[in-house]
Structures are given as structure tokens and as C-alpha cells.
Amino acid sequence: VRKKRGVQLGVAMSVLEKQIAKLQRRVEELEKVAAEARGLKQELDDRVAAGKSLKASNIKLQKEVVALERRLGELEVEKDTKGTFTFGGGAASTKALRRTLKEGYLEIDNL
């Protein structure tokens, strides 16, 4: 009876050792996956940061384009009026220009 139990315990120990080894391999695989996930998260964070930087640059460039277009419009008005009228921009100047256009003194497109 004791010998039989000893064999059974030995078999059980062997099975448990195999299961433990299998679990250890699985833990190692999961650690590799976790490390890969951390690397991917870092890459994503880097890309998000770069995207935010690009967005900020894009907004700045858009503002610069608007300012340049506004200045180009001012220069075109100055050129078209041949020195008789200078549009300097700003709300008051815009109102004065619109009033002048309504009264029919000047014909300027796209204002």
C-alpha cells in the first residue's frame, strides 16, 4: 500500500512539475507580450505628441496665411485706387470701405 501511494505521489509530483514548467513558460511569453505592449504604447505616445506639435504648427501657419492674405488684399486696394484711397485694415477701416463701396465710389471685388 505504501509503495503504491509513493508511486502515485511521484506521478502526481511529476505532473505538477510539468504544469509548473508550462506555467513558467506562459508567464515568460506574457512578459514578452507586455514588454511589446509597453513599446507600442510609447510609440503611440510619441506619435500623439508629434501630432499635437504638427497641429500647433498648422494653426500657426494658417494664422500666418490669413495675415498674408489680408495684407495682400490691402496692397491690392492700395494699388487699385492709385493713391486716392488707402485701406489700412482694422474694423473702422473695413466699415469705411464698405460704406464707400455701398455709395458706389469704388468697385472692388471679393470684400
PDB file of N, CA and C in Angstrom:
ATOM      1  N   VAL A   1       0.829  -1.190   0.000  1.00  0.00           N
ATOM      2  CA  VAL A   1       0.000   0.000   0.000  1.00  0.00           C
ATOM      3  C   VAL A   1       0.869   1.247   0.000  1.00  0.00           C
ATOM      4  N   ARG A   2       1.909   1.250   0.848  1.00  0.00           N
ATOM      5  CA  ARG A   2       2.790   2.415   0.900  1.00  0.00           C
ATOM      6  C   ARG A   2       3.528   2.614  -0.409  1.00  0.00           C
ATOM      7  N   LYS A   3       3.944   1.521  -1.010  1.00  0.00           N
ATOM      8  CA  LYS A   3       4.676   1.616  -2.270  1.00  0.00           C
ATOM      9  C   LYS A   3       3.767   2.188  -3.352  1.00  0.00           C
ATOM     10  N   LYS A   4       2.513   1.751  -3.337  1.00  0.00           N
ATOM     11  CA  LYS A   4       1.559   2.229  -4.325  1.00  0.00           C
ATOM     12  C   LYS A   4       1.320   3.727  -4.155  1.00  0.00           C
ATOM     13  N   ARG A   5       1.194   4.165  -2.900  1.00  0.00           N
ATOM     14  CA  ARG A   5       0.998   5.591  -2.638  1.00  0.00           C
ATOM     15  C   ARG A   5       2.227   6.391  -3.032  1.00  0.00           C
ATOM     16  N   GLY A   6       3.380   5.845  -2.808  1.00  0.00           N
ATOM     17  CA  GLY A   6       4.623   6.519  -3.196  1.00  0.00           C
ATOM     18  C   GLY A   6       4.696   6.705  -4.695  1.00  0.00           C
ATOM     19  N   VAL A   7       4.296   5.700  -5.448  1.00  0.00           N
ATOM     20  CA  VAL A   7       4.276   5.792  -6.911  1.00  0.00           C
ATOM     21  C   VAL A   7       3.261   6.838  -7.340  1.00  0.00           C
ATOM     22  N   GLN A   8       2.092   6.818  -6.697  1.00  0.00           N
ATOM     23  CA  GLN A   8       1.063   7.794  -7.039  1.00  0.00           C
ATOM     24  C   GLN A   8       1.534   9.216  -6.739  1.00  0.00           C
ATOM     25  N   LEU A   9       2.198   9.392  -5.602  1.00  0.00           N
ATOM     26  CA  LEU A   9       2.728  10.715  -5.257  1.00  0.00           C
ATOM     27  C   LEU A   9       3.811  11.142  -6.238  1.00  0.00           C
ATOM     28  N   GLY A  10       4.651  10.201  -6.633  1.00  0.00           N
ATOM     29  CA  GLY A  10       5.703  10.507  -7.607  1.00  0.00           C
ATOM     30  C   GLY A  10       5.114  10.936  -8.940  1.00  0.00           C
ATOM     31  N   VAL A  11       4.079  10.223  -9.374  1.00  0.00           N
ATOM     32  CA  VAL A  11       3.403  10.572 -10.632  1.00  0.00           C
ATOM     33  C   VAL A  11       2.749  11.944 -10.500  1.00  0.00           C
ATOM     34  N   ALA A  12       2.097  12.174  -9.368  1.00  0.00           N
ATOM     35  CA  ALA A  12       1.438  13.461  -9.144  1.00  0.00           C
ATOM     36  C   ALA A  12       2.461  14.592  -9.129  1.00  0.00           C
ATOM     37  N   MET A  13       3.600  14.359  -8.485  1.00  0.00           N
ATOM     38  CA  MET A  13       4.665  15.369  -8.447  1.00  0.00           C
ATOM     39  C   MET A  13       5.190  15.652  -9.846  1.00  0.00           C
ATOM     40  N   SER A  14       5.364  14.619 -10.620  1.00  0.00           N
ATOM     41  CA  SER A  14       5.848  14.777 -11.992  1.00  0.00           C
ATOM     42  C   SER A  14       4.860  15.602 -12.814  1.00  0.00           C
ATOM     43  N   VAL A  15       3.578  15.303 -12.665  1.00  0.00           N
ATOM     44  CA  VAL A  15       2.541  16.050 -13.393  1.00  0.00           C
ATOM     45  C   VAL A  15       2.558  17.513 -12.965  1.00  0.00           C
ATOM     46  N   LEU A  16       2.661  17.743 -11.646  1.00  0.00           N
ATOM     47  CA  LEU A  16       2.693  19.115 -11.129  1.00  0.00           C
ATOM     48  C   LEU A  16       3.921  19.872 -11.624  1.00  0.00           C
ATOM     49  N   GLU A  17       5.073  19.205 -11.643  1.00  0.00           N
ATOM     50  CA  GLU A  17       6.293  19.849 -12.130  1.00  0.00           C
ATOM     51  C   GLU A  17       6.154  20.249 -13.593  1.00  0.00           C
ATOM     52  N   LYS A  18       5.544  19.378 -14.398  1.00  0.00           N
ATOM     53  CA  LYS A  18       5.322  19.698 -15.813  1.00  0.00           C
ATOM     54  C   LYS A  18       4.377  20.888 -15.958  1.00  0.00           C
ATOM     55  N   GLN A  19       3.325  20.903 -15.122  1.00  0.00           N
ATOM     56  CA  GLN A  19       2.381  22.018 -15.182  1.00  0.00           C
ATOM     57  C   GLN A  19       3.043  23.325 -14.749  1.00  0.00           C
ATOM     58  N   ILE A  20       3.890  23.235 -13.725  1.00  0.00           N
ATOM     59  CA  ILE A  20       4.616  24.421 -13.260  1.00  0.00           C
ATOM     60  C   ILE A  20       5.545  24.933 -14.355  1.00  0.00           C
ATOM     61  N   ALA A  21       6.264  24.042 -15.004  1.00  0.00           N
ATOM     62  CA  ALA A  21       7.164  24.435 -16.094  1.00  0.00           C
ATOM     63  C   ALA A  21       6.374  25.085 -17.231  1.00  0.00           C
ATOM     64  N   LYS A  22       5.214  24.508 -17.538  1.00  0.00           N
ATOM     65  CA  LYS A  22       4.357  25.050 -18.594  1.00  0.00           C
ATOM     66  C   LYS A  22       3.879  26.460 -18.225  1.00  0.00           C
ATOM     67  N   LEU A  23       3.479  26.626 -16.962  1.00  0.00           N
ATOM     68  CA  LEU A  23       3.019  27.936 -16.491  1.00  0.00           C
ATOM     69  C   LEU A  23       4.152  28.966 -16.509  1.00  0.00           C
ATOM     70  N   GLN A  24       5.367  28.521 -16.164  1.00  0.00           N
ATOM     71  CA  GLN A  24       6.513  29.431 -16.190  1.00  0.00           C
ATOM     72  C   GLN A  24       6.796  29.905 -17.617  1.00  0.00           C
ATOM     73  N   ARG A  25       6.699  28.966 -18.579  1.00  0.00           N
ATOM     74  CA  ARG A  25       6.889  29.357 -19.986  1.00  0.00           C
ATOM     75  C   ARG A  25       5.808  30.356 -20.410  1.00  0.00           C
ATOM     76  N   ARG A  26       4.593  30.111 -19.975  1.00  0.00           N
ATOM     77  CA  ARG A  26       3.475  31.004 -20.317  1.00  0.00           C
ATOM     78  C   ARG A  26       3.693  32.397 -19.717  1.00  0.00           C
ATOM     79  N   VAL A  27       4.186  32.444 -18.461  1.00  0.00           N
ATOM     80  CA  VAL A  27       4.487  33.724 -17.812  1.00  0.00           C
ATOM     81  C   VAL A  27       5.554  34.475 -18.606  1.00  0.00           C
ATOM     82  N   GLU A  28       6.591  33.755 -19.056  1.00  0.00           N
ATOM     83  CA  GLU A  28       7.644  34.383 -19.857  1.00  0.00           C
ATOM     84  C   GLU A  28       7.075  34.945 -21.160  1.00  0.00           C
ATOM     85  N   GLU A  29       6.179  34.192 -21.801  1.00  0.00           N
ATOM     86  CA  GLU A  29       5.546  34.669 -23.035  1.00  0.00           C
ATOM     87  C   GLU A  29       4.729  35.931 -22.767  1.00  0.00           C
ATOM     88  N   LEU A  30       3.989  35.921 -21.670  1.00  0.00           N
ATOM     89  CA  LEU A  30       3.166  37.079 -21.319  1.00  0.00           C
ATOM     90  C   LEU A  30       4.026  38.300 -20.989  1.00  0.00           C
ATOM     91  N   GLU A  31       5.166  38.063 -20.351  1.00  0.00           N
ATOM     92  CA  GLU A  31       6.081  39.171 -20.061  1.00  0.00           C
ATOM     93  C   GLU A  31       6.611  39.786 -21.353  1.00  0.00           C
ATOM     94  N   LYS A  32       6.897  38.932 -22.351  1.00  0.00           N
ATOM     95  CA  LYS A  32       7.342  39.440 -23.654  1.00  0.00           C
ATOM     96  C   LYS A  32       6.243  40.268 -24.310  1.00  0.00           C
ATOM     97  N   VAL A  33       5.007  39.762 -24.244  1.00  0.00           N
ATOM     98  CA  VAL A  33       3.869  40.489 -24.822  1.00  0.00           C
ATOM     99  C   VAL A  33       3.685  41.825 -24.103  1.00  0.00           C
ATOM    100  N   ALA A  34       3.818  41.820 -22.783  1.00  0.00           N
ATOM    101  CA  ALA A  34       3.673  43.052 -22.004  1.00  0.00           C
ATOM    102  C   ALA A  34       4.757  44.061 -22.383  1.00  0.00           C
ATOM    103  N   ALA A  35       5.987  43.579 -22.566  1.00  0.00           N
ATOM    104  CA  ALA A  35       7.081  44.467 -22.972  1.00  0.00           C
ATOM    105  C   ALA A  35       6.807  45.050 -24.355  1.00  0.00           C
ATOM    106  N   GLU A  36       6.301  44.222 -25.255  1.00  0.00           N
ATOM    107  CA  GLU A  36       5.957  44.701 -26.598  1.00  0.00           C
ATOM    108  C   GLU A  36       4.835  45.740 -26.521  1.00  0.00           C
ATOM    109  N   ALA A  37       3.853  45.491 -25.665  1.00  0.00           N
ATOM    110  CA  ALA A  37       2.742  46.435 -25.496  1.00  0.00           C
ATOM    111  C   ALA A  37       3.248  47.766 -24.949  1.00  0.00           C
ATOM    112  N   ARG A  38       4.182  47.723 -24.005  1.00  0.00           N
ATOM    113  CA  ARG A  38       4.756  48.965 -23.472  1.00  0.00           C
ATOM    114  C   ARG A  38       5.487  49.730 -24.568  1.00  0.00           C
ATOM    115  N   GLY A  39       6.217  49.003 -25.407  1.00  0.00           N
ATOM    116  CA  GLY A  39       6.915  49.644 -26.521  1.00  0.00           C
ATOM    117  C   GLY A  39       5.946  50.286 -27.501  1.00  0.00           C
ATOM    118  N   LEU A  40       4.857  49.583 -27.807  1.00  0.00           N
ATOM    119  CA  LEU A  40       3.845  50.138 -28.712  1.00  0.00           C
ATOM    120  C   LEU A  40       3.164  51.354 -28.102  1.00  0.00           C
ATOM    121  N   LYS A  41       2.909  51.301 -26.792  1.00  0.00           N
ATOM    122  CA  LYS A  41       2.292  52.448 -26.125  1.00  0.00           C
ATOM    123  C   LYS A  41       3.222  53.649 -26.186  1.00  0.00           C
ATOM    124  N   GLN A  42       4.507  53.436 -25.976  1.00  0.00           N
ATOM    125  CA  GLN A  42       5.470  54.535 -26.043  1.00  0.00           C
ATOM    126  C   GLN A  42       5.502  55.125 -27.448  1.00  0.00           C
ATOM    127  N   GLU A  43       5.484  54.248 -28.455  1.00  0.00           N
ATOM    128  CA  GLU A  43       5.470  54.718 -29.842  1.00  0.00           C
ATOM    129  C   GLU A  43       4.206  55.533 -30.116  1.00  0.00           C
ATOM    130  N   LEU A  44       3.078  55.068 -29.618  1.00  0.00           N
ATOM    131  CA  LEU A  44       1.819  55.793 -29.789  1.00  0.00           C
ATOM    132  C   LEU A  44       1.884  57.150 -29.094  1.00  0.00           C
ATOM    133  N   ASP A  45       2.404  57.169 -27.867  1.00  0.00           N
ATOM    134  CA  ASP A  45       2.544  58.435 -27.139  1.00  0.00           C
ATOM    135  C   ASP A  45       3.435  59.406 -27.905  1.00  0.00           C
ATOM    136  N   ASP A  46       4.523  58.890 -28.477  1.00  0.00           N
ATOM    137  CA  ASP A  46       5.423  59.733 -29.266  1.00  0.00           C
ATOM    138  C   ASP A  46       4.708  60.295 -30.490  1.00  0.00           C
ATOM    139  N   ARG A  47       3.917  59.450 -31.145  1.00  0.00           N
ATOM    140  CA  ARG A  47       3.188  59.904 -32.335  1.00  0.00           C
ATOM    141  C   ARG A  47       2.123  60.934 -31.974  1.00  0.00           C
ATOM    142  N   VAL A  48       1.454  60.722 -30.847  1.00  0.00           N
ATOM    143  CA  VAL A  48       0.445  61.692 -30.394  1.00  0.00           C
ATOM    144  C   VAL A  48       1.116  63.034 -30.112  1.00  0.00           C
ATOM    145  N   ALA A  49       2.260  62.997 -29.439  1.00  0.00           N
ATOM    146  CA  ALA A  49       2.981  64.236 -29.147  1.00  0.00           C
ATOM    147  C   ALA A  49       3.404  64.925 -30.443  1.00  0.00           C
ATOM    148  N   ALA A  50       3.890  64.147 -31.400  1.00  0.00           N
ATOM    149  CA  ALA A  50       4.286  64.724 -32.690  1.00  0.00           C
ATOM    150  C   ALA A  50       3.067  65.299 -33.409  1.00  0.00           C
ATOM    151  N   GLY A  51       1.936  64.608 -33.310  1.00  0.00           N
ATOM    152  CA  GLY A  51       0.704  65.102 -33.933  1.00  0.00           C
ATOM    153  C   GLY A  51       0.253  66.414 -33.324  1.00  0.00           C
ATOM    154  N   LYS A  52       0.356  66.528 -32.003  1.00  0.00           N
ATOM    155  CA  LYS A  52      -0.013  67.784 -31.336  1.00  0.00           C
ATOM    156  C   LYS A  52       0.906  68.910 -31.790  1.00  0.00           C
ATOM    157  N   SER A  53       2.184  68.597 -31.921  1.00  0.00           N
ATOM    158  CA  SER A  53       3.141  69.598 -32.386  1.00  0.00           C
ATOM    159  C   SER A  53       2.815  70.034 -33.812  1.00  0.00           C
ATOM    160  N   LEU A  54       2.480  69.056 -34.672  1.00  0.00           N
ATOM    161  CA  LEU A  54       2.108  69.384 -36.049  1.00  0.00           C
ATOM    162  C   LEU A  54       0.840  70.217 -36.094  1.00  0.00           C
ATOM    163  N   LYS A  55      -0.120  69.892 -35.238  1.00  0.00           N
ATOM    164  CA  LYS A  55      -1.370  70.650 -35.207  1.00  0.00           C
ATOM    165  C   LYS A  55      -1.098  72.093 -34.796  1.00  0.00           C
ATOM    166  N   ALA A  56      -0.260  72.276 -33.781  1.00  0.00           N
ATOM    167  CA  ALA A  56       0.084  73.628 -33.341  1.00  0.00           C
ATOM    168  C   ALA A  56       0.787  74.387 -34.461  1.00  0.00           C
ATOM    169  N   SER A  57       1.692  73.722 -35.169  1.00  0.00           N
ATOM    170  CA  SER A  57       2.384  74.359 -36.293  1.00  0.00           C
ATOM    171  C   SER A  57       1.403  74.701 -37.400  1.00  0.00           C
ATOM    172  N   ASN A  58       0.458  73.806 -37.662  1.00  0.00           N
ATOM    173  CA  ASN A  58      -0.543  74.038 -38.697  1.00  0.00           C
ATOM    174  C   ASN A  58      -1.402  75.251 -38.358  1.00  0.00           C
ATOM    175  N   ILE A  59      -1.827  75.357 -37.099  1.00  0.00           N
ATOM    176  CA  ILE A  59      -2.632  76.504 -36.674  1.00  0.00           C
ATOM    177  C   ILE A  59      -1.840  77.791 -36.848  1.00  0.00           C
ATOM    178  N   LYS A  60      -0.576  77.760 -36.458  1.00  0.00           N
ATOM    179  CA  LYS A  60       0.272  78.947 -36.595  1.00  0.00           C
ATOM    180  C   LYS A  60       0.412  79.324 -38.071  1.00  0.00           C
ATOM    181  N   LEU A  61       0.647  78.325 -38.918  1.00  0.00           N
ATOM    182  CA  LEU A  61       0.783  78.601 -40.351  1.00  0.00           C
ATOM    183  C   LEU A  61      -0.515  79.127 -40.942  1.00  0.00           C
ATOM    184  N   GLN A  62      -1.651  78.592 -40.503  1.00  0.00           N
ATOM    185  CA  GLN A  62      -2.932  79.087 -41.001  1.00  0.00           C
ATOM    186  C   GLN A  62      -3.125  80.552 -40.639  1.00  0.00           C
ATOM    187  N   LYS A  63      -2.753  80.919 -39.419  1.00  0.00           N
ATOM    188  CA  LYS A  63      -2.857  82.322 -38.998  1.00  0.00           C
ATOM    189  C   LYS A  63      -1.943  83.201 -39.846  1.00  0.00           C
ATOM    190  N   GLU A  64      -0.746  82.711 -40.128  1.00  0.00           N
ATOM    191  CA  GLU A  64       0.180  83.475 -40.958  1.00  0.00           C
ATOM    192  C   GLU A  64      -0.363  83.636 -42.372  1.00  0.00           C
ATOM    193  N   VAL A  65      -0.980  82.583 -42.913  1.00  0.00           N
ATOM    194  CA  VAL A  65      -1.566  82.656 -44.256  1.00  0.00           C
ATOM    195  C   VAL A  65      -2.689  83.683 -44.279  1.00  0.00           C
ATOM    196  N   VAL A  66      -3.545  83.670 -43.260  1.00  0.00           N
ATOM    197  CA  VAL A  66      -4.642  84.641 -43.191  1.00  0.00           C
ATOM    198  C   VAL A  66      -4.081  86.058 -43.129  1.00  0.00           C
ATOM    199  N   ALA A  67      -3.056  86.262 -42.317  1.00  0.00           N
ATOM    200  CA  ALA A  67      -2.445  87.590 -42.214  1.00  0.00           C
ATOM    201  C   ALA A  67      -1.843  88.017 -43.551  1.00  0.00           C
ATOM    202  N   LEU A  68      -1.175  87.085 -44.232  1.00  0.00           N
ATOM    203  CA  LEU A  68      -0.589  87.416 -45.537  1.00  0.00           C
ATOM    204  C   LEU A  68      -1.668  87.712 -46.572  1.00  0.00           C
ATOM    205  N   GLU A  69      -2.756  86.930 -46.554  1.00  0.00           N
ATOM    206  CA  GLU A  69      -3.853  87.193 -47.488  1.00  0.00           C
ATOM    207  C   GLU A  69      -4.481  88.553 -47.214  1.00  0.00           C
ATOM    208  N   ARG A  70      -4.642  88.887 -45.945  1.00  0.00           N
ATOM    209  CA  ARG A  70      -5.199  90.189 -45.573  1.00  0.00           C
ATOM    210  C   ARG A  70      -4.288  91.312 -46.079  1.00  0.00           C
ATOM    211  N   ARG A  71      -3.000  91.146 -45.856  1.00  0.00           N
ATOM    212  CA  ARG A  71      -2.049  92.182 -46.299  1.00  0.00           C
ATOM    213  C   ARG A  71      -2.041  92.282 -47.818  1.00  0.00           C
ATOM    214  N   LEU A  72      -2.128  91.150 -48.513  1.00  0.00           N
ATOM    215  CA  LEU A  72      -2.188  91.165 -49.972  1.00  0.00           C
ATOM    216  C   LEU A  72      -3.421  91.928 -50.434  1.00  0.00           C
ATOM    217  N   GLY A  73      -4.554  91.693 -49.773  1.00  0.00           N
ATOM    218  CA  GLY A  73      -5.775  92.431 -50.104  1.00  0.00           C
ATOM    219  C   GLY A  73      -5.598  93.919 -49.891  1.00  0.00           C
ATOM    220  N   GLU A  74      -4.927  94.289 -48.799  1.00  0.00           N
ATOM    221  CA  GLU A  74      -4.666  95.703 -48.537  1.00  0.00           C
ATOM    222  C   GLU A  74      -3.807  96.307 -49.641  1.00  0.00           C
ATOM    223  N   LEU A  75      -2.787  95.575 -50.045  1.00  0.00           N
ATOM    224  CA  LEU A  75      -1.905  96.082 -51.102  1.00  0.00           C
ATOM    225  C   LEU A  75      -2.645  96.208 -52.425  1.00  0.00           C
ATOM    226  N   GLU A  76      -3.538  95.258 -52.716  1.00  0.00           N
ATOM    227  CA  GLU A  76      -4.307  95.336 -53.958  1.00  0.00           C
ATOM    228  C   GLU A  76      -5.233  96.540 -53.947  1.00  0.00           C
ATOM    229  N   VAL A  77      -5.852  96.824 -52.794  1.00  0.00           N
ATOM    230  CA  VAL A  77      -6.719  98.004 -52.690  1.00  0.00           C
ATOM    231  C   VAL A  77      -5.898  99.261 -52.907  1.00  0.00           C
ATOM    232  N   GLU A  78      -4.735  99.329 -52.276  1.00  0.00           N
ATOM    233  CA  GLU A  78      -3.869 100.500 -52.449  1.00  0.00           C
ATOM    234  C   GLU A  78      -3.470 100.664 -53.911  1.00  0.00           C
ATOM    235  N   LYS A  79      -3.149  99.555 -54.578  1.00  0.00           N
ATOM    236  CA  LYS A  79      -2.732  99.603 -55.982  1.00  0.00           C
ATOM    237  C   LYS A  79      -3.892 100.030 -56.876  1.00  0.00           C
ATOM    238  N   ASP A  80      -5.076  99.435 -56.652  1.00  0.00           N
ATOM    239  CA  ASP A  80      -6.238  99.728 -57.491  1.00  0.00           C
ATOM    240  C   ASP A  80      -6.707 101.165 -57.361  1.00  0.00           C
ATOM    241  N   THR A  81      -6.541 101.751 -56.205  1.00  0.00           N
ATOM    242  CA  THR A  81      -7.026 103.124 -56.010  1.00  0.00           C
ATOM    243  C   THR A  81      -5.986 104.158 -56.413  1.00  0.00           C
ATOM    244  N   LYS A  82      -4.821 103.725 -56.765  1.00  0.00           N
ATOM    245  CA  LYS A  82      -3.733 104.592 -57.252  1.00  0.00           C
ATOM    246  C   LYS A  82      -3.477 105.785 -56.330  1.00  0.00           C
ATOM    247  N   GLY A  83      -3.451 105.501 -55.057  1.00  0.00           N
ATOM    248  CA  GLY A  83      -3.074 106.537 -54.110  1.00  0.00           C
ATOM    249  C   GLY A  83      -4.223 107.416 -53.656  1.00  0.00           C
ATOM    250  N   THR A  84      -5.417 107.236 -54.197  1.00  0.00           N
ATOM    251  CA  THR A  84      -6.527 108.084 -53.771  1.00  0.00           C
ATOM    252  C   THR A  84      -7.203 107.550 -52.518  1.00  0.00           C
ATOM    253  N   PHE A  85      -6.952 106.290 -52.211  1.00  0.00           N
ATOM    254  CA  PHE A  85      -7.570 105.688 -51.037  1.00  0.00           C
ATOM    255  C   PHE A  85      -6.638 104.612 -50.515  1.00  0.00           C
ATOM    256  N   THR A  86      -6.361 104.618 -49.223  1.00  0.00           N
ATOM    257  CA  THR A  86      -5.500 103.603 -48.621  1.00  0.00           C
ATOM    258  C   THR A  86      -6.301 102.846 -47.575  1.00  0.00           C
ATOM    259  N   PHE A  87      -6.357 101.539 -47.763  1.00  0.00           N
ATOM    260  CA  PHE A  87      -7.064 100.691 -46.816  1.00  0.00           C
ATOM    261  C   PHE A  87      -6.044 100.107 -45.862  1.00  0.00           C
ATOM    262  N   GLY A  88      -6.089 100.523 -44.616  1.00  0.00           N
ATOM    263  CA  GLY A  88      -5.105 100.075 -43.639  1.00  0.00           C
ATOM    264  C   GLY A  88      -5.558  98.907 -42.801  1.00  0.00           C
ATOM    265  N   GLY A  89      -6.753  98.412 -43.051  1.00  0.00           N
ATOM    266  CA  GLY A  89      -7.233  97.277 -42.268  1.00  0.00           C
ATOM    267  C   GLY A  89      -7.898  97.735 -40.988  1.00  0.00           C
ATOM    268  N   GLY A  90      -8.305  96.817 -40.184  1.00  0.00           N
ATOM    269  CA  GLY A  90      -8.973  97.126 -38.934  1.00  0.00           C
ATOM    270  C   GLY A  90     -10.466  97.309 -39.137  1.00  0.00           C
ATOM    271  N   ALA A  91     -11.215  97.267 -38.029  1.00  0.00           N
ATOM    272  CA  ALA A  91     -12.677  97.321 -38.104  1.00  0.00           C
ATOM    273  C   ALA A  91     -13.173  98.650 -38.648  1.00  0.00           C
ATOM    274  N   ALA A  92     -12.605  99.766 -38.178  1.00  0.00           N
ATOM    275  CA  ALA A  92     -13.061 101.082 -38.637  1.00  0.00           C
ATOM    276  C   ALA A  92     -12.793 101.255 -40.124  1.00  0.00           C
ATOM    277  N   SER A  93     -11.628 100.851 -40.574  1.00  0.00           N
ATOM    278  CA  SER A  93     -11.295 100.973 -41.996  1.00  0.00           C
ATOM    279  C   SER A  93     -12.186 100.080 -42.841  1.00  0.00           C
ATOM    280  N   THR A  94     -12.490  98.898 -42.330  1.00  0.00           N
ATOM    281  CA  THR A  94     -13.361  97.982 -43.069  1.00  0.00           C
ATOM    282  C   THR A  94     -14.749  98.583 -43.215  1.00  0.00           C
ATOM    283  N   LYS A  95     -15.282  99.179 -42.141  1.00  0.00           N
ATOM    284  CA  LYS A  95     -16.598  99.823 -42.215  1.00  0.00           C
ATOM    285  C   LYS A  95     -16.576 100.978 -43.205  1.00  0.00           C
ATOM    286  N   ALA A  96     -15.524 101.787 -43.148  1.00  0.00           N
ATOM    287  CA  ALA A  96     -15.426 102.920 -44.071  1.00  0.00           C
ATOM    288  C   ALA A  96     -15.360 102.429 -45.508  1.00  0.00           C
ATOM    289  N   LEU A  97     -14.620 101.373 -45.750  1.00  0.00           N
ATOM    290  CA  LEU A  97     -14.505 100.838 -47.103  1.00  0.00           C
ATOM    291  C   LEU A  97     -15.845 100.291 -47.570  1.00  0.00           C
ATOM    292  N   ARG A  98     -16.536  99.556 -46.700  1.00  0.00           N
ATOM    293  CA  ARG A  98     -17.848  99.023 -47.090  1.00  0.00           C
ATOM    294  C   ARG A  98     -18.837 100.158 -47.379  1.00  0.00           C
ATOM    295  N   ARG A  99     -18.812 101.208 -46.565  1.00  0.00           N
ATOM    296  CA  ARG A  99     -19.692 102.353 -46.788  1.00  0.00           C
ATOM    297  C   ARG A  99     -19.376 103.002 -48.135  1.00  0.00           C
ATOM    298  N   THR A 100     -18.100 103.160 -48.422  1.00  0.00           N
ATOM    299  CA  THR A 100     -17.689 103.748 -49.694  1.00  0.00           C
ATOM    300  C   THR A 100     -18.160 102.888 -50.855  1.00  0.00           C
ATOM    301  N   LEU A 101     -18.038 101.568 -50.704  1.00  0.00           N
ATOM    302  CA  LEU A 101     -18.481 100.669 -51.766  1.00  0.00           C
ATOM    303  C   LEU A 101     -19.989 100.749 -51.959  1.00  0.00           C
ATOM    304  N   LYS A 102     -20.753 100.833 -50.838  1.00  0.00           N
ATOM    305  CA  LYS A 102     -22.205 100.935 -50.939  1.00  0.00           C
ATOM    306  C   LYS A 102     -22.612 102.208 -51.674  1.00  0.00           C
ATOM    307  N   GLU A 103     -21.895 103.272 -51.417  1.00  0.00           N
ATOM    308  CA  GLU A 103     -22.228 104.548 -52.048  1.00  0.00           C
ATOM    309  C   GLU A 103     -21.820 104.567 -53.513  1.00  0.00           C
ATOM    310  N   GLY A 104     -21.071 103.565 -53.939  1.00  0.00           N
ATOM    311  CA  GLY A 104     -20.749 103.439 -55.348  1.00  0.00           C
ATOM    312  C   GLY A 104     -19.514 104.178 -55.806  1.00  0.00           C
ATOM    313  N   TYR A 105     -18.675 104.610 -54.878  1.00  0.00           N
ATOM    314  CA  TYR A 105     -17.480 105.339 -55.290  1.00  0.00           C
ATOM    315  C   TYR A 105     -16.400 104.415 -55.831  1.00  0.00           C
ATOM    316  N   LEU A 106     -16.334 103.208 -55.271  1.00  0.00           N
ATOM    317  CA  LEU A 106     -15.314 102.258 -55.705  1.00  0.00           C
ATOM    318  C   LEU A 106     -15.977 100.936 -56.055  1.00  0.00           C
ATOM    319  N   GLU A 107     -15.401 100.215 -56.965  1.00  0.00           N
ATOM    320  CA  GLU A 107     -15.863  98.869 -57.282  1.00  0.00           C
ATOM    321  C   GLU A 107     -14.696  97.912 -57.072  1.00  0.00           C
ATOM    322  N   ILE A 108     -14.773  97.176 -55.991  1.00  0.00           N
ATOM    323  CA  ILE A 108     -13.709  96.228 -55.669  1.00  0.00           C
ATOM    324  C   ILE A 108     -14.370  94.886 -55.398  1.00  0.00           C
ATOM    325  N   ASP A 109     -13.891  93.840 -56.027  1.00  0.00           N
ATOM    326  CA  ASP A 109     -14.469  92.505 -55.880  1.00  0.00           C
ATOM    327  C   ASP A 109     -13.933  91.801 -54.640  1.00  0.00           C
ATOM    328  N   ASN A 110     -14.726  90.859 -54.157  1.00  0.00           N
ATOM    329  CA  ASN A 110     -14.319  89.910 -53.101  1.00  0.00           C
ATOM    330  C   ASN A 110     -13.975  90.560 -51.771  1.00  0.00           C
ATOM    331  N   LEU A 111     -14.740  91.493 -51.306  1.00  0.00           N
ATOM    332  CA  LEU A 111     -14.521  92.043 -49.966  1.00  0.00           C
ATOM    333  C   LEU A 111     -15.564  91.534 -49.024  1.00  0.00           C
TER     334      LEU A 111
END
